[in-house]
Amino acid sequence: MRAFPFASRNLKELIRDPMMIIFAIGFPVVLLLMLSAIHSHAPVNLFAISKLSPGIAVFGLSFISLFSGMLIAKDRCSSFLMRLFASPLSASDYILGYILPLLPIAIIQSVVCFVLSFFLGLSVTANVLAALLVLIPTSVLFIGTGLLMGTLVNDKAVGGIASIIINLSGWLSGTWFNLNLVGGTFKAISDVLPFANAVNAARAAISGDYAAILPSLLWVIGYAVAVLVISVVLFRRKMMNATT
C-alpha cells in the first residue's frame, strides 16, 4: 500500500508527456500496418497476421524500457529522490511504484495491437486473451530492464542503452525473420535470451498450442524476476549511499 501514492505520482509524470504514450502505442500500429501491407503483396509466412501480431506486440513492449529508464533516471539525478529517501518506503516499494503506472500502458499497447490485428484478419478467439496474459511477464521484464538502466546510469545515457535493448529485441526475437534459417551460434544465443522466448510463447497462445507456452514463458519469467531482484538490490545500495 505504501507504493501506491508514489505510483500515482509517477503516473502523473507520465501523463504530463502524452507524446511518449502516443509513441509507445502508435509505433507498433504503424509497423503492423506496414508489414501487413507487404504481406498482402508478397505473401511471406512469417508476416501472416497470426505470427506477425505477437511478434510486433513483443517488439513494441521493448520501448517501455526506455520510458521506465528515463523516469527513474530523472528522479535519481534530481533532488526528488533524495528528499523521498526520508520516507518509510523501501527499495522494493520504490521499484513497485515505478512498475504499477507503466504496466497498464504496456497492456493497453498489446490490446491495441491485437484489436488492430482483428481488422487485418486475426481470428477473434479466446486465444487472444491468453496471449495478453502471456505478455504480462514480458511487460514486467522490459519495465524492469528500464528501471535497472535508470538505477545505474543518468537520464542522458538511458536512451543509448535502451536503443541497444530495442535492437536486440528486434533482431533476436524472430519477429522479422526465421531464426532457424540463420541457425548456429546466432540461434543458440537467441534461444537462451528472453526475446525469442517471449515471441514463441505469445505465438503459441495465439495458435492455441497451450502446451508450448510454458517452456518459453518460464525463460521470460526467470529473466523478469532476475532483473527485478537486481534492480531492488542496486536501488537499495543507491539509497544507502545517499543517506550515509
Protein backbone atom coordinates (compact mmCIF):
# COMPACT_ATOMS: atom_id res chain seq x y z
CA MET A 1 0.00 0.00 0.00
CA ARG A 2 2.92 2.36 0.66
CA ALA A 3 3.90 2.19 -3.01
CA PHE A 4 0.52 3.35 -4.35
CA PRO A 5 0.86 7.09 -3.60
CA PHE A 6 4.30 7.02 -5.21
CA ALA A 7 2.86 5.12 -8.20
CA SER A 8 0.13 7.77 -8.51
CA ARG A 9 2.78 10.49 -8.67
CA ASN A 10 4.68 8.58 -11.37
CA LEU A 11 1.51 8.15 -13.40
CA LYS A 12 1.01 11.92 -13.34
CA GLU A 13 4.59 12.37 -14.54
CA LEU A 14 3.89 10.04 -17.47
CA ILE A 15 0.65 11.80 -18.37
CA ARG A 16 2.45 15.15 -18.48
CA ASP A 17 4.28 13.87 -21.56
CA PRO A 18 1.46 12.32 -23.63
CA MET A 19 3.65 12.11 -26.73
CA MET A 20 5.62 9.36 -25.05
CA ILE A 21 2.48 7.28 -24.50
CA ILE A 22 1.21 8.03 -28.02
CA PHE A 23 4.53 6.86 -29.47
CA ALA A 24 4.54 3.70 -27.35
CA ILE A 25 1.09 2.74 -28.60
CA GLY A 26 1.29 4.18 -32.11
CA PHE A 27 4.64 2.83 -33.30
CA PRO A 28 3.62 -0.86 -33.16
CA VAL A 29 0.43 0.08 -35.02
CA VAL A 30 2.46 1.64 -37.86
CA LEU A 31 4.73 -1.41 -38.05
CA LEU A 32 1.78 -3.77 -38.08
CA LEU A 33 0.05 -1.89 -40.90
CA MET A 34 3.24 -1.61 -42.94
CA LEU A 35 4.24 -5.28 -42.66
CA SER A 36 0.67 -6.42 -43.27
CA ALA A 37 0.69 -4.39 -46.48
CA ILE A 38 3.93 -6.08 -47.51
CA HIS A 39 2.38 -9.49 -46.78
CA SER A 40 -0.65 -8.70 -48.92
CA HIS A 41 1.58 -8.04 -51.97
CA ALA A 42 4.31 -10.60 -51.30
CA PRO A 43 2.94 -13.33 -49.03
CA VAL A 44 5.53 -14.47 -46.52
CA ASN A 45 4.52 -17.00 -43.89
CA LEU A 46 6.38 -15.09 -41.16
CA PHE A 47 4.30 -11.99 -41.88
CA ALA A 48 0.97 -13.81 -41.64
CA ILE A 49 -1.09 -11.91 -39.09
CA SER A 50 -1.21 -14.82 -36.62
CA LYS A 51 2.59 -14.78 -36.44
CA LEU A 52 3.18 -11.09 -37.01
CA SER A 53 0.90 -9.64 -34.33
CA PRO A 54 2.53 -11.47 -31.37
CA GLY A 55 5.99 -10.50 -32.65
CA ILE A 56 5.05 -6.85 -33.05
CA ALA A 57 3.41 -6.88 -29.61
CA VAL A 58 6.65 -8.09 -28.01
CA PHE A 59 8.81 -5.68 -30.01
CA GLY A 60 6.52 -2.78 -29.07
CA LEU A 61 6.91 -3.60 -25.40
CA SER A 62 10.67 -3.15 -25.68
CA PHE A 63 10.12 0.62 -25.97
CA ILE A 64 8.67 0.61 -22.44
CA SER A 65 12.22 0.02 -21.19
CA LEU A 66 13.15 3.48 -22.49
CA PHE A 67 10.28 5.17 -20.69
CA SER A 68 10.81 3.40 -17.37
CA GLY A 69 14.54 4.07 -17.54
CA MET A 70 14.05 7.76 -18.23
CA LEU A 71 11.50 8.09 -15.43
CA ILE A 72 13.68 6.66 -12.67
CA ALA A 73 16.92 8.21 -14.00
CA LYS A 74 15.43 11.72 -13.99
CA ASP A 75 14.19 11.25 -10.44
CA ARG A 76 17.52 9.83 -9.30
CA CYS A 77 19.53 12.63 -10.88
CA SER A 78 17.33 15.31 -9.30
CA SER A 79 16.79 16.14 -5.65
CA PHE A 80 13.35 14.48 -5.67
CA LEU A 81 14.50 11.01 -4.65
CA MET A 82 16.93 12.46 -2.14
CA ARG A 83 14.00 14.03 -0.30
CA LEU A 84 11.87 10.92 -0.77
CA PHE A 85 14.51 8.68 0.79
CA ALA A 86 13.48 10.15 4.14
CA SER A 87 10.11 8.42 3.77
CA PRO A 88 9.43 4.88 5.11
CA LEU A 89 9.40 3.45 1.56
CA SER A 90 11.71 0.51 0.97
CA ALA A 91 13.67 -0.13 -2.23
CA SER A 92 11.06 -2.69 -3.33
CA ASP A 93 8.32 -0.08 -2.69
CA TYR A 94 10.10 2.36 -4.99
CA ILE A 95 10.53 -0.21 -7.77
CA LEU A 96 6.89 -1.28 -7.43
CA GLY A 97 5.87 2.36 -7.53
CA TYR A 98 7.55 2.70 -10.91
CA ILE A 99 6.14 -0.57 -12.28
CA LEU A 100 2.48 -0.02 -11.40
CA PRO A 101 1.78 3.00 -13.66
CA LEU A 102 3.77 1.56 -16.57
CA LEU A 103 2.16 -1.87 -16.61
CA PRO A 104 -1.31 -0.62 -17.71
CA ILE A 105 0.34 1.31 -20.55
CA ALA A 106 2.09 -1.87 -21.67
CA ILE A 107 -1.18 -3.83 -21.51
CA ILE A 108 -3.05 -1.15 -23.47
CA GLN A 109 -0.31 -1.24 -26.09
CA SER A 110 -0.77 -5.00 -26.50
CA VAL A 111 -4.57 -4.68 -26.59
CA VAL A 112 -4.39 -2.04 -29.34
CA CYS A 113 -2.02 -4.24 -31.32
CA PHE A 114 -4.36 -7.24 -31.22
CA VAL A 115 -7.53 -5.23 -31.82
CA LEU A 116 -5.97 -3.80 -34.98
CA SER A 117 -4.94 -7.34 -35.93
CA PHE A 118 -8.61 -8.36 -35.87
CA PHE A 119 -9.25 -5.93 -38.72
CA LEU A 120 -6.23 -7.36 -40.55
CA GLY A 121 -7.51 -10.92 -40.41
CA LEU A 122 -6.65 -12.30 -36.98
CA SER A 123 -9.37 -14.62 -35.68
CA VAL A 124 -11.34 -13.31 -32.72
CA THR A 125 -10.92 -16.12 -30.19
CA ALA A 126 -10.14 -16.64 -26.52
CA ASN A 127 -6.56 -17.34 -27.58
CA VAL A 128 -6.01 -13.60 -27.82
CA LEU A 129 -6.85 -13.21 -24.13
CA ALA A 130 -4.34 -15.97 -23.40
CA ALA A 131 -1.74 -14.09 -25.43
CA LEU A 132 -2.39 -10.91 -23.44
CA LEU A 133 -1.83 -12.80 -20.20
CA VAL A 134 1.35 -14.34 -21.62
CA LEU A 135 2.65 -10.87 -22.49
CA ILE A 136 2.37 -9.57 -18.91
CA PRO A 137 5.68 -11.17 -17.79
CA THR A 138 7.27 -9.73 -20.93
CA SER A 139 5.94 -6.29 -19.99
CA VAL A 140 7.38 -6.64 -16.48
CA LEU A 141 10.70 -7.76 -17.98
CA PHE A 142 11.06 -4.67 -20.17
CA ILE A 143 9.86 -2.32 -17.43
CA GLY A 144 12.34 -3.88 -15.04
CA THR A 145 15.12 -3.62 -17.61
CA GLY A 146 14.46 0.09 -17.91
CA LEU A 147 14.44 0.50 -14.13
CA LEU A 148 17.76 -1.32 -13.94
CA MET A 149 19.24 1.02 -16.55
CA GLY A 150 17.85 4.10 -14.79
CA THR A 151 19.29 2.92 -11.48
CA LEU A 152 22.77 2.54 -12.93
CA VAL A 153 23.12 5.50 -15.32
CA ASN A 154 21.82 9.04 -15.75
CA ASP A 155 18.94 10.07 -17.99
CA LYS A 156 21.27 11.10 -20.84
CA ALA A 157 22.77 7.61 -21.07
CA VAL A 158 19.47 5.73 -20.78
CA GLY A 159 18.47 6.48 -24.38
CA GLY A 160 21.60 4.91 -25.85
CA ILE A 161 21.39 1.77 -23.72
CA ALA A 162 17.65 1.43 -24.35
CA SER A 163 18.24 1.58 -28.10
CA ILE A 164 20.55 -1.42 -27.76
CA ILE A 165 17.85 -3.33 -25.86
CA ILE A 166 15.26 -2.41 -28.50
CA ASN A 167 17.55 -3.56 -31.32
CA LEU A 168 18.36 -6.80 -29.53
CA SER A 169 14.66 -7.39 -29.06
CA GLY A 170 14.06 -6.86 -32.76
CA TRP A 171 16.92 -8.93 -34.15
CA LEU A 172 16.95 -11.78 -31.63
CA SER A 173 13.20 -12.29 -31.28
CA GLY A 174 12.45 -13.90 -34.62
CA THR A 175 9.89 -11.24 -35.46
CA TRP A 176 11.45 -10.17 -38.76
CA PHE A 177 12.98 -13.46 -39.91
CA ASN A 178 13.01 -17.16 -39.08
CA LEU A 179 15.80 -17.81 -36.60
CA ASN A 180 16.04 -21.42 -37.77
CA LEU A 181 17.22 -20.20 -41.16
CA VAL A 182 20.18 -18.48 -39.51
CA GLY A 183 20.96 -21.29 -37.10
CA GLY A 184 24.36 -21.76 -35.47
CA THR A 185 25.59 -19.52 -32.68
CA PHE A 186 23.06 -16.80 -33.51
CA LYS A 187 20.15 -19.20 -32.99
CA ALA A 188 21.73 -20.62 -29.82
CA ILE A 189 22.11 -17.14 -28.31
CA SER A 190 18.53 -16.25 -29.27
CA ASP A 191 17.22 -19.38 -27.58
CA VAL A 192 18.71 -18.51 -24.18
CA LEU A 193 17.67 -14.85 -24.24
CA PRO A 194 14.10 -13.82 -23.37
CA PHE A 195 13.15 -12.07 -26.62
CA ALA A 196 12.59 -15.09 -28.88
CA ASN A 197 11.03 -16.99 -25.99
CA ALA A 198 8.56 -14.15 -25.42
CA VAL A 199 7.53 -14.21 -29.10
CA ASN A 200 7.31 -18.01 -29.14
CA ALA A 201 5.10 -18.03 -26.05
CA ALA A 202 2.77 -15.37 -27.49
CA ARG A 203 2.58 -17.16 -30.85
CA ALA A 204 1.80 -20.45 -29.11
CA ALA A 205 -1.02 -18.73 -27.21
CA ILE A 206 -2.47 -17.23 -30.40
CA SER A 207 -2.38 -20.60 -32.17
CA GLY A 208 -3.98 -22.35 -29.20
CA ASP A 209 -0.95 -24.55 -28.57
CA TYR A 210 -1.09 -24.08 -24.82
CA ALA A 211 1.35 -26.92 -24.08
CA ALA A 212 4.08 -24.98 -25.91
CA ILE A 213 3.57 -21.78 -23.90
CA LEU A 214 5.14 -22.74 -20.57
CA PRO A 215 8.63 -23.82 -21.73
CA SER A 216 9.20 -20.45 -23.41
CA LEU A 217 7.33 -18.42 -20.82
CA LEU A 218 9.46 -19.80 -17.98
CA TRP A 219 12.54 -18.24 -19.61
CA VAL A 220 10.81 -14.86 -19.71
CA ILE A 221 9.60 -15.12 -16.11
CA GLY A 222 13.07 -16.13 -14.97
CA TYR A 223 14.67 -13.12 -16.64
CA ALA A 224 11.94 -10.79 -15.31
CA VAL A 225 12.43 -11.99 -11.73
CA ALA A 226 16.22 -11.73 -12.01
CA VAL A 227 16.07 -8.19 -13.42
CA LEU A 228 13.66 -7.02 -10.72
CA VAL A 229 15.72 -8.55 -7.90
CA ILE A 230 18.90 -6.93 -9.23
CA SER A 231 17.08 -3.60 -9.60
CA VAL A 232 15.87 -3.69 -5.99
CA VAL A 233 19.32 -4.63 -4.67
CA LEU A 234 21.10 -1.90 -6.62
CA PHE A 235 18.44 0.68 -5.78
CA ARG A 236 18.80 -0.17 -2.10
CA ARG A 237 22.54 0.45 -2.37
CA LYS A 238 21.86 3.81 -4.01
CA MET A 239 19.55 4.66 -1.11
CA MET A 240 22.12 3.68 1.49
CA ASN A 241 24.87 5.69 -0.23
CA ALA A 242 22.61 8.71 -0.46
CA THR A 243 21.59 8.64 3.19
CA THR A 244 25.03 7.96 4.69
